[in-house]
Protein backbone atom coordinates (compact mmCIF):
# COMPACT_ATOMS: atom_id res chain seq x y z
CA MET A 1 -17.12 -23.80 15.27
CA ASN A 2 -15.87 -25.95 18.15
CA LEU A 3 -17.27 -25.96 21.73
CA LYS A 4 -14.35 -24.01 23.23
CA VAL A 5 -14.86 -21.19 20.73
CA LEU A 6 -18.58 -21.14 21.35
CA ALA A 7 -17.97 -21.04 25.10
CA ALA A 8 -15.56 -18.15 24.71
CA PHE A 9 -18.11 -16.16 22.71
CA ALA A 10 -20.85 -16.98 25.18
CA VAL A 11 -18.78 -15.51 28.09
CA LEU A 12 -18.02 -12.40 26.05
CA ALA A 13 -21.68 -11.98 25.02
CA ALA A 14 -22.77 -12.36 28.65
CA ASN A 15 -20.51 -9.51 29.68
CA GLY A 16 -21.62 -7.28 26.85
CA VAL A 17 -18.34 -7.46 24.91
CA MET A 18 -18.58 -7.66 21.14
CA ALA A 19 -15.94 -9.22 18.91
CA GLU A 20 -14.21 -6.69 16.64
CA LEU A 21 -13.91 -7.24 12.91
CA LYS A 22 -10.25 -7.30 11.76
CA LEU A 23 -8.29 -8.29 8.65
CA THR A 24 -5.22 -10.46 8.92
CA GLY A 25 -1.98 -8.70 8.06
CA ALA A 26 -0.81 -11.49 5.80
CA LYS A 27 -2.50 -13.27 2.92
CA HIS A 28 -3.20 -17.02 3.26
CA LYS A 29 -3.41 -19.63 0.55
CA ALA A 30 -6.81 -21.26 0.10
CA GLY A 31 -7.23 -24.68 1.73
CA VAL A 32 -3.78 -24.85 3.39
CA LYS A 33 -4.81 -23.98 6.95
CA ASN A 34 -8.13 -23.79 8.81
CA PRO A 35 -9.33 -20.09 8.71
CA ASN A 36 -10.35 -20.22 12.41
CA ALA A 37 -6.83 -21.26 13.30
CA ILE A 38 -5.46 -18.40 11.18
CA CYS A 39 -7.66 -15.89 13.08
CA ALA A 40 -6.73 -17.38 16.46
CA ASP A 41 -2.99 -17.26 15.68
CA GLU A 42 -3.14 -13.57 14.82
CA PHE A 43 -5.82 -12.18 17.18
CA GLY A 44 -5.88 -14.66 20.10
CA THR A 45 -7.92 -17.57 21.39
CA GLY A 46 -11.65 -17.27 20.62
CA SER A 47 -11.06 -15.35 17.38
CA THR A 48 -12.91 -16.87 14.44
CA VAL A 49 -13.31 -16.31 10.73
CA PHE A 50 -16.16 -14.07 9.60
CA ASP A 51 -19.18 -15.91 8.25
CA TRP A 52 -21.15 -14.64 5.23
CA ASN A 53 -24.38 -15.66 6.92
CA ASP A 54 -23.70 -13.08 9.70
CA LEU A 55 -23.94 -10.40 6.97
CA LYS A 56 -26.89 -12.09 5.36
CA ASN A 57 -28.97 -12.34 8.52
CA GLY A 58 -28.09 -8.85 9.78
CA LYS A 59 -25.74 -9.66 12.68
CA HIS A 60 -23.27 -7.36 10.85
CA SER A 61 -24.32 -4.61 8.42
CA SER A 62 -22.71 -3.86 5.13
CA ALA A 63 -21.55 -0.58 6.73
CA ASP A 64 -19.71 -2.54 9.42
CA VAL A 65 -17.92 -4.58 6.76
CA ARG A 66 -17.08 -1.61 4.57
CA LYS A 67 -15.21 0.03 7.46
CA ILE A 68 -12.79 -2.88 7.28
CA ILE A 69 -12.44 -4.20 3.67
CA PRO A 70 -10.76 -2.21 0.84
CA TYR A 71 -12.87 -1.45 -2.20
CA ASN A 72 -12.54 -4.16 -4.91
CA ALA A 73 -10.32 -6.31 -2.68
CA TYR A 74 -10.99 -10.05 -2.36
CA ILE A 75 -11.35 -11.19 1.28
CA ALA A 76 -11.53 -14.76 2.49
CA VAL A 77 -14.58 -15.69 4.63
CA ASN A 78 -16.67 -18.73 5.59
CA ARG A 79 -20.21 -19.49 4.51
CA GLY A 80 -22.37 -21.43 6.86
CA GLY A 81 -19.22 -22.50 8.74
CA ALA A 82 -17.52 -23.82 5.63
CA ALA A 83 -14.41 -22.24 4.03
CA ILE A 84 -14.08 -24.47 1.05
CA GLN A 85 -16.60 -24.00 -1.76
CA ASN A 86 -15.19 -26.56 -4.14
CA PRO A 87 -12.28 -28.77 -2.99
CA ASN A 88 -11.04 -29.71 -6.48
CA TRP A 89 -11.95 -27.08 -9.06
CA GLU A 90 -9.53 -27.30 -11.99
CA GLY A 91 -7.22 -29.23 -9.67
CA LYS A 92 -7.07 -26.44 -7.06
CA THR A 93 -8.84 -25.79 -3.83
CA ARG A 94 -11.35 -22.88 -4.14
CA CYS A 95 -12.38 -21.10 -0.97
CA HIS A 96 -15.12 -18.55 -0.29
CA PHE A 97 -14.28 -14.82 -0.49
CA PHE A 98 -16.26 -11.70 -0.98
CA ALA A 99 -15.53 -8.34 -2.67
CA ASP A 100 -17.18 -4.96 -2.40
CA PHE A 101 -17.99 -3.64 -5.85
CA GLY A 102 -20.56 -1.09 -4.50
CA LYS A 103 -23.69 -0.52 -6.46
CA ASN A 104 -21.83 -0.75 -9.77
CA SER A 105 -22.22 -4.27 -11.12
CA ALA A 106 -19.98 -3.30 -14.08
CA ALA A 107 -17.04 -3.15 -11.66
CA ARG A 108 -17.37 -6.89 -11.08
CA PRO A 109 -15.13 -8.98 -13.42
CA SER A 110 -17.08 -10.94 -16.04
CA ASN A 111 -15.72 -14.22 -14.81
CA PHE A 112 -16.83 -13.55 -11.20
CA GLN A 113 -19.33 -16.27 -10.35
CA VAL A 114 -21.80 -14.67 -7.82
CA PHE A 115 -23.20 -17.05 -5.19
CA ASP A 116 -24.91 -14.38 -3.14
CA GLN A 117 -25.07 -10.55 -2.72
CA VAL A 118 -25.84 -8.10 0.10
CA ASP A 119 -25.95 -4.37 -0.73
CA GLY A 120 -23.34 -4.54 -3.49
CA ILE A 121 -21.04 -6.92 -1.62
CA SER A 122 -20.64 -10.12 -3.67
CA LEU A 123 -19.80 -13.68 -2.47
CA GLY A 124 -17.75 -15.81 -4.74
CA SER A 125 -14.89 -18.35 -4.54
CA TRP A 126 -11.27 -18.39 -5.69
CA PHE A 127 -7.98 -20.25 -5.14
CA TYR A 128 -5.48 -17.34 -4.78
CA GLU A 129 -3.92 -16.13 -1.55
CA GLU A 130 -6.16 -13.60 0.19
CA ARG A 131 -6.42 -11.84 3.56
CA VAL A 132 -8.92 -13.33 6.05
CA LEU A 133 -11.67 -11.34 7.79
CA CYS A 134 -11.91 -12.36 11.49
CA HIS A 135 -14.01 -11.81 14.52
CA ALA A 136 -11.11 -10.72 16.80
CA ALA A 137 -12.04 -11.75 20.37
CA PRO A 138 -11.35 -8.87 22.76
CA MET A 139 -10.08 -9.16 26.36
CA PRO A 140 -12.83 -9.28 29.00
CA ALA A 141 -13.91 -5.85 30.36
CA PRO A 142 -11.98 -4.53 33.37
CA THR A 143 -13.48 -4.84 36.93
CA GLY A 144 -15.30 -1.81 38.37
CA VAL A 145 -12.91 -1.29 41.32
CA PRO A 146 -9.20 -1.88 41.80
CA THR A 147 -8.26 -5.41 42.75
CA LYS A 148 -6.48 -6.12 46.04
CA LYS A 149 -3.84 -8.19 44.36
CA PRO A 150 -2.02 -7.41 41.09
CA THR A 151 -3.92 -8.64 38.03
CA ALA A 152 -2.39 -11.02 35.58
CA ALA A 153 -2.39 -8.36 32.89
CA PRO A 154 -2.47 -4.51 33.06
CA THR A 155 -5.85 -3.07 34.12
CA LYS A 156 -7.81 -1.07 31.54
CA LYS A 157 -8.24 2.00 33.89
CA PRO A 158 -5.81 3.70 36.40
CA THR A 159 -6.12 2.91 40.07
CA ALA A 160 -8.20 5.23 42.30
CA ALA A 161 -5.09 6.83 43.93
CA PRO A 162 -1.34 6.93 43.19
CA THR A 163 0.92 4.40 44.89
CA PRO A 164 3.14 5.72 47.72
CA ALA A 165 6.43 7.40 46.88
CA PRO A 166 9.71 5.49 46.55
CA THR A 167 12.27 5.00 49.43
CA GLY A 168 14.96 7.48 50.31
CA VAL A 169 17.81 5.10 49.53
CA PRO A 170 17.92 1.81 47.61
CA THR A 171 16.99 -1.19 49.80
CA LYS A 172 19.08 -4.31 49.76
CA LYS A 173 16.06 -6.47 49.10
CA PRO A 174 12.69 -5.64 47.53
CA THR A 175 10.35 -4.14 50.13
CA ALA A 176 7.08 -5.85 50.91
CA SER A 177 5.17 -2.61 50.18
CA PRO A 178 6.00 0.79 48.63
CA THR A 179 8.35 3.05 50.76
CA ALA A 180 7.41 6.40 52.14
CA SER A 181 9.56 9.09 50.54
CA PRO A 182 11.49 9.78 47.31
CA THR A 183 15.25 9.34 46.90
CA ALA A 184 17.51 12.15 48.01
CA LYS A 185 18.62 13.14 44.52
CA PRO A 186 17.88 11.92 41.02
CA THR A 187 19.99 9.34 39.30
CA PRO A 188 22.02 10.66 36.42
CA GLY A 189 20.41 10.62 32.96
CA PRO A 190 21.68 8.48 30.12
CA THR A 191 24.57 9.73 28.03
CA GLU A 192 23.68 11.45 24.75
CA SER A 193 25.64 9.03 22.60
CA PRO A 194 26.72 5.34 23.02
CA THR A 195 29.92 4.74 25.06
CA ALA A 196 32.78 2.77 23.54
CA LYS A 197 32.11 -0.07 25.95
CA PRO A 198 29.56 -0.71 28.65
CA THR A 199 30.09 1.31 31.89
CA PRO A 200 30.40 -0.76 35.09
CA GLY A 201 27.46 1.03 36.75
CA PRO A 202 25.89 4.46 37.36
CA THR A 203 27.97 7.33 38.80
CA GLU A 204 27.54 8.24 42.44
CA SER A 205 26.17 11.70 41.60
CA PRO A 206 25.19 13.68 38.53
CA THR A 207 28.11 14.99 36.38
CA ALA A 208 28.98 18.69 36.72
CA LYS A 209 28.36 19.46 33.06
CA PRO A 210 26.13 17.73 30.47
CA THR A 211 27.83 15.39 28.06
CA ALA A 212 28.59 16.60 24.56
CA ALA A 213 25.73 16.93 22.10
CA PRO A 214 24.93 13.84 20.05
CA THR A 215 26.69 13.48 16.78
CA PRO A 216 24.51 14.29 13.80
CA ALA A 217 23.16 11.33 11.80
CA LYS A 218 25.17 10.48 8.70
CA THR A 219 23.51 10.90 5.37
CA GLY A 220 24.19 9.23 2.11
CA GLY A 221 23.47 5.55 2.51
CA GLY A 222 22.07 2.70 4.54
CA ALA A 223 19.67 3.32 7.36
CA SER A 224 21.46 6.50 8.47
CA GLY A 225 20.87 8.07 5.05
CA SER A 226 17.18 7.16 4.99
CA SER A 227 14.28 9.37 4.14
CA ASP A 228 10.73 8.63 3.11
CA THR A 229 10.39 9.91 -0.44
CA GLY A 230 8.44 8.68 -3.37
CA GLY A 231 6.78 9.50 -6.66
CA GLY A 232 5.49 8.01 -9.87
CA ALA A 233 2.65 8.36 -12.36
CA SER A 234 -0.98 7.16 -12.62
CA GLY A 235 -4.39 7.71 -14.17
CA ASP A 236 -5.06 10.46 -16.67
CA PRO A 237 -1.53 11.01 -16.34
CA HIS A 238 -1.01 12.50 -12.86
CA ILE A 239 2.73 12.79 -12.20
CA LYS A 240 3.96 12.77 -8.55
CA THR A 241 7.39 14.33 -7.99
CA TRP A 242 9.83 13.14 -5.34
CA ASP A 243 8.49 15.64 -2.79
CA GLY A 244 4.92 14.28 -3.11
CA LYS A 245 3.48 17.10 -5.19
CA LYS A 246 1.37 16.33 -8.29
CA PHE A 247 0.95 17.80 -11.80
CA ASP A 248 -0.89 16.64 -14.86
CA PHE A 249 0.48 16.17 -18.34
CA HIS A 250 -1.94 14.91 -20.92
CA GLY A 251 0.37 14.61 -23.93
CA GLY A 252 0.55 11.38 -25.92
CA CYS A 253 4.16 10.14 -26.50
CA ASP A 254 7.04 8.25 -24.87
CA LEU A 255 8.24 10.06 -21.72
CA VAL A 256 11.17 9.76 -19.26
CA LEU A 257 9.66 9.36 -15.84
CA LEU A 258 12.99 8.80 -14.17
CA GLN A 259 16.58 8.19 -15.19
CA ASN A 260 19.70 7.76 -12.98
CA SER A 261 22.91 6.50 -14.56
CA GLY A 262 24.62 6.14 -11.15
CA PHE A 263 22.01 3.95 -9.53
CA THR A 264 23.44 1.00 -7.61
CA ASN A 265 27.13 1.80 -8.33
CA GLY A 266 26.58 2.50 -12.02
CA LEU A 267 24.08 -0.29 -12.75
CA GLY A 268 21.67 2.48 -13.83
CA LEU A 269 17.89 2.89 -13.63
CA THR A 270 15.58 4.23 -16.32
CA ILE A 271 11.75 4.30 -16.26
CA GLN A 272 9.81 5.26 -19.45
CA ILE A 273 6.06 5.53 -19.83
CA GLN A 274 4.06 5.48 -23.07
CA THR A 275 0.93 7.69 -22.96
CA LYS A 276 -1.99 7.55 -25.31
CA ILE A 277 -4.80 10.17 -25.93
CA GLU A 278 -8.33 8.72 -25.61
CA THR A 279 -10.62 11.41 -27.09
CA TRP A 280 -10.53 14.16 -24.43
CA TRP A 281 -8.47 12.35 -21.81
CA SER A 282 -5.34 10.26 -21.84
CA CYS A 283 -3.74 7.38 -19.99
CA ILE A 284 -0.49 5.51 -19.38
CA GLU A 285 -0.75 2.58 -21.81
CA SER A 286 2.73 0.98 -21.19
CA ALA A 287 5.62 1.40 -18.75
CA ALA A 288 9.17 0.03 -19.12
CA VAL A 289 11.91 -0.31 -16.50
CA LYS A 290 15.58 -0.84 -17.37
CA ILE A 291 18.08 -1.79 -14.63
CA GLY A 292 21.51 -2.82 -15.89
CA GLU A 293 20.88 -4.65 -19.18
CA ASP A 294 17.44 -6.01 -18.36
CA ILE A 295 14.10 -4.47 -19.34
CA LEU A 296 10.65 -5.21 -17.87
CA GLU A 297 7.74 -3.82 -19.88
CA VAL A 298 4.12 -3.89 -18.71
CA GLN A 299 1.08 -2.92 -20.79
CA GLY A 300 -2.47 -2.41 -19.75
CA GLY A 301 -5.42 -4.32 -21.25
CA ARG A 302 -9.01 -3.29 -21.98
CA ILE A 303 -10.52 -6.60 -20.90
CA ASP A 304 -7.88 -8.03 -18.58
CA GLY A 305 -4.98 -7.08 -16.34
CA GLY A 306 -2.59 -6.56 -19.25
CA ARG A 307 0.60 -8.33 -20.20
CA CYS A 308 4.36 -8.07 -19.81
CA TRP A 309 7.65 -8.58 -21.72
CA ILE A 310 11.07 -9.42 -20.31
CA ASN A 311 13.80 -8.17 -22.65
CA GLY A 312 11.23 -8.14 -25.48
CA VAL A 313 10.02 -11.73 -24.87
CA PRO A 314 6.40 -12.09 -23.78
CA GLY A 315 5.98 -13.24 -20.16
CA GLU A 316 3.36 -15.91 -20.39
CA ASP A 317 1.70 -18.29 -17.95
CA LEU A 318 2.54 -16.18 -14.91
CA GLU A 319 0.65 -17.13 -11.77
CA SER A 320 0.05 -15.00 -8.71
CA GLY A 321 3.01 -15.38 -6.33
CA ASP A 322 5.51 -16.11 -9.14
CA GLU A 323 9.02 -14.58 -8.82
CA PHE A 324 11.64 -14.29 -11.54
CA ALA A 325 15.18 -12.98 -11.83
CA PHE A 326 15.75 -9.45 -13.04
CA SER A 327 19.07 -7.73 -13.62
CA SER A 328 22.08 -9.36 -11.96
CA LYS A 329 21.00 -8.98 -8.35
CA LEU A 330 17.27 -8.32 -8.26
CA SER A 331 13.98 -10.18 -8.79
CA VAL A 332 10.40 -9.35 -9.85
CA HIS A 333 7.46 -10.39 -7.71
CA PHE A 334 4.15 -10.90 -9.57
CA HIS A 335 0.71 -10.76 -8.01
CA SER A 336 -2.68 -11.01 -9.71
CA ALA A 337 -5.40 -9.66 -7.49
CA THR A 338 -8.19 -10.25 -9.98
CA ALA A 339 -8.59 -11.05 -13.67
CA LEU A 340 -8.43 -7.33 -14.30
CA GLN A 341 -5.67 -6.36 -11.92
CA ASN A 342 -1.94 -7.34 -12.00
CA HIS A 343 0.95 -6.05 -9.94
CA PHE A 344 4.78 -6.26 -10.55
CA ARG A 345 7.14 -5.30 -7.74
CA ILE A 346 10.92 -4.97 -7.80
CA ASP A 347 12.68 -4.75 -4.46
CA LEU A 348 15.63 -2.50 -4.93
CA GLY A 349 17.26 -3.07 -1.50
CA ASN A 350 17.46 -0.97 1.65
CA GLY A 351 13.73 -0.46 1.72
CA ASN A 352 13.60 0.97 -1.79
CA ALA A 353 11.04 -0.47 -4.21
CA LEU A 354 9.57 0.01 -7.67
CA SER A 355 6.10 -1.23 -8.65
CA ILE A 356 3.90 -1.21 -11.75
CA GLY A 357 0.18 -1.91 -11.30
CA ALA A 358 -2.16 -2.62 -14.24
CA PHE A 359 -5.93 -2.24 -13.82
CA LYS A 360 -7.54 -2.75 -17.21
CA LYS A 361 -6.04 -0.15 -19.54
CA PHE A 362 -4.73 2.10 -16.70
CA LEU A 363 -1.13 1.68 -15.34
CA THR A 364 0.27 3.06 -12.10
CA VAL A 365 4.00 3.35 -11.57
CA THR A 366 5.30 3.93 -8.04
CA VAL A 367 8.84 4.47 -6.78
CA ALA A 368 9.39 4.34 -2.95
CA GLY A 369 12.75 5.69 -1.87
CA LYS A 370 13.78 4.95 1.72
CA THR A 371 17.49 5.47 1.10
CA SER A 372 18.31 8.93 -0.17
CA VAL A 373 21.75 8.14 -1.59
CA ALA A 374 20.28 5.48 -3.93
CA PHE A 375 18.40 8.05 -5.97
CA GLU A 376 20.83 11.00 -5.88
CA GLY A 377 21.24 12.49 -9.36
CA SER A 378 17.84 11.34 -10.57
CA GLU A 379 16.10 13.40 -13.24
CA GLY A 380 12.99 13.26 -15.41
CA LEU A 381 9.32 13.98 -14.84
CA MET A 382 9.62 13.02 -11.10
CA GLY A 383 12.12 15.91 -10.74
CA THR A 384 15.32 16.03 -8.71
CA HIS A 385 15.74 13.86 -5.70
CA PRO A 386 14.67 14.52 -3.01
CA GLU A 387 13.49 18.12 -3.67
CA GLY A 388 11.22 17.26 -6.63
CA LEU A 389 12.32 20.33 -8.55
CA LYS A 390 11.14 20.39 -12.19
CA VAL A 391 14.56 20.82 -13.77
CA ALA A 392 15.15 20.83 -17.53
CA ARG A 393 17.57 18.50 -19.34
CA ASP A 394 20.33 21.15 -18.89
CA ARG A 395 20.13 20.43 -15.16
CA LYS A 396 19.88 24.16 -14.46
CA THR A 397 16.63 25.62 -15.75
CA LEU A 398 13.59 25.40 -13.50
CA MET A 399 10.31 24.89 -15.41
CA GLU A 400 6.98 25.77 -13.82
CA ASP A 401 4.60 25.14 -16.71
CA PRO A 402 3.55 21.44 -16.61
CA ASN A 403 3.08 21.15 -20.41
CA SER A 404 6.48 22.65 -21.17
CA PHE A 405 8.07 20.41 -18.53
CA GLY A 406 6.31 17.33 -20.02
CA MET A 407 7.49 18.15 -23.52
CA GLU A 408 11.04 18.63 -22.15
CA TRP A 409 11.16 14.97 -21.00
CA GLN A 410 9.86 13.30 -24.18
CA VAL A 411 12.12 10.40 -25.04
CA LEU A 412 14.55 11.78 -27.63
CA SER A 413 15.37 10.05 -30.92
CA ASN A 414 19.04 9.65 -29.81
CA GLU A 415 18.02 7.93 -26.52
CA PRO A 416 17.35 4.20 -26.11
CA MET A 417 13.64 3.31 -26.41
CA LEU A 418 12.76 0.58 -23.90
CA PHE A 419 9.47 -0.59 -25.48
CA HIS A 420 9.35 -3.68 -27.62
CA ALA A 421 7.33 -1.94 -30.32
CA VAL A 422 7.19 1.60 -31.74
CA GLU A 423 3.79 3.13 -30.91
CA GLY A 424 2.35 6.61 -31.34
CA VAL A 425 4.19 9.91 -31.64
CA GLN A 426 8.02 9.63 -31.74
CA HIS A 427 10.63 12.37 -31.41
CA PRO A 428 11.50 14.65 -33.23
CA THR A 429 7.72 15.08 -33.56
CA GLN A 430 6.47 16.70 -30.37
CA CYS A 431 4.06 14.94 -28.02
CA ALA A 432 0.47 15.08 -29.27
CA MET A 433 -1.88 17.12 -27.03
CA PRO A 434 -5.67 16.72 -26.57
CA ALA A 435 -7.42 19.10 -28.96
CA MET A 436 -10.07 20.05 -26.44
CA ALA A 437 -9.40 23.28 -24.51
CA GLU A 438 -9.25 23.15 -20.69
CA ALA A 439 -12.51 25.08 -20.26
CA THR A 440 -14.33 22.65 -22.58
CA LYS A 441 -12.73 19.74 -20.75
CA LYS A 442 -14.10 20.94 -17.41
CA ARG A 443 -17.53 21.35 -18.98
CA ARG A 444 -17.39 17.80 -20.29
CA LEU A 445 -16.50 16.57 -16.76
CA GLY A 446 -19.70 18.28 -15.59
CA GLU A 447 -21.64 16.49 -18.26
CA SER A 448 -20.22 13.03 -17.45
CA ALA A 449 -22.75 10.16 -17.45
CA ILE A 450 -21.55 9.38 -13.93
CA SER A 451 -22.56 11.86 -11.22
CA LEU A 452 -20.04 13.49 -8.91
CA GLU A 453 -21.69 11.72 -5.98
CA ASP A 454 -21.24 8.34 -7.67
CA ALA A 455 -17.62 9.09 -8.49
CA GLU A 456 -16.94 10.16 -4.91
CA PHE A 457 -18.57 6.96 -3.63
CA ALA A 458 -16.47 4.81 -5.95
CA CYS A 459 -13.28 6.52 -4.70
CA GLY A 460 -14.41 6.57 -1.04
CA ARG A 461 -11.67 4.21 0.14
CA VAL A 462 -8.81 6.28 -1.28
CA THR A 463 -7.34 7.93 1.84
CA ASP A 464 -4.69 10.25 0.38
CA PRO A 465 -6.46 13.61 -0.47
CA GLU A 466 -4.55 14.19 -3.71
CA ASP A 467 -5.04 10.56 -4.87
CA TYR A 468 -8.72 10.92 -4.00
CA ASP A 469 -9.10 14.01 -6.20
CA SER A 470 -7.24 12.26 -9.07
CA CYS A 471 -9.44 9.18 -8.66
CA VAL A 472 -12.66 11.25 -8.82
CA PHE A 473 -11.35 13.08 -11.87
CA ASP A 474 -10.47 9.83 -13.65
CA VAL A 475 -13.85 8.21 -12.94
CA LEU A 476 -15.65 11.25 -14.33
CA ALA A 477 -13.29 11.56 -17.30
CA THR A 478 -13.56 7.94 -18.39
CA ASN A 479 -17.20 7.34 -17.35
CA GLU A 480 -15.96 4.11 -15.64
CA LYS A 481 -16.54 3.70 -11.92
CA ASP A 482 -14.35 0.61 -11.71
CA ILE A 483 -11.31 2.68 -12.59
CA ALA A 484 -11.23 3.54 -8.89
CA GLY A 485 -9.73 0.09 -8.46
CA ALA A 486 -6.47 1.45 -9.92
CA TYR A 487 -5.95 3.52 -6.78
């Protein structure tokens, strides 16, 4: 830490101002830039990278850190003022980071070399791009009384009394001090819609009648046809329809999550998921996306972050940050957060995106729709867009029972199968269902080797209430705390 930074912190400490812990918005590649400079660029002069020794010696508690860092996420830090742990490990620069695995050491990947630990937070090193934890230097505290001259920046508190009222008519030059009375009448308000060309200046007096009401926003494309909708599938399969509502379908078979033949002017979009029954619970084992003539398939793994195929050819030697072409106009972005967690993202344009996340054997498929026209005509387990109605294949019948609806959208024998290999139950045989009755299943959840308290702790960083409930259910069902990392 240089003398200027130390001096800045000394002034702040003398005034009783503590530096706030903040994460950088962007990820930064190990060894490319000094972490202190990264923090200063984002949070201002005097901001510095968090040091592991501050956690070790009690200057910051594990509770302070857990308020900031996501569960299971790798965060870049210093240790004893040093960012780099090994400058040339396997030909790459490895820098310090830590991750919060809680009290469950099984959640930590087997290849995670632990240098130190504090209350379940583990210090290691890696060479991927990660976010940086910073001491964000705050502004000095405001003065106790209003200053006589304007301050260089806005004051933290209002002045003791309001400033005098404005003048009755506009002055030709700025007055030296506020004038005594308000103007005779208000200036006209802005027009409700943009004029064809800029007006020369304000009117002399308000118009007799208000201007016409604003024209309604156009729907059906671009920013004017935008709406925040989204859905997908995750866990012990929890299906989220376009309107954000969830239902569970535990059958084992190939399923149509979404299909839209008109997507992107007829290019077409199909998402299929392959589910597998594991004793008394089930999971999404594989997911495949077809856009145009190209197919991306992702499969989970029991001891790693899974694997992928592009048009039936294994995608090998992918490194975090890689990007490869997909369909005629799109590309796939690959990110590997840990040895157990991979993420594939396809930007569909206009704010729309499709992602597949693999955490061990669990897959999560997410579709984010910012442009409503792009997904008009969609059908499948995610329902109609944007209403999320559970409509049968005849596009008329509404189905309320989740098991019947799930069976309805099994991939048919006369439909293209997107997976590179035939696995499990195939149509015309109906989806296999867990043999255990629902009442017995609930009892088994109560008898899980993991307590409800431990499951809730593992899922503590999941903010969405429905996702939180699903996370707790999956931890109890699988007896694996680290499955919370899939959320």
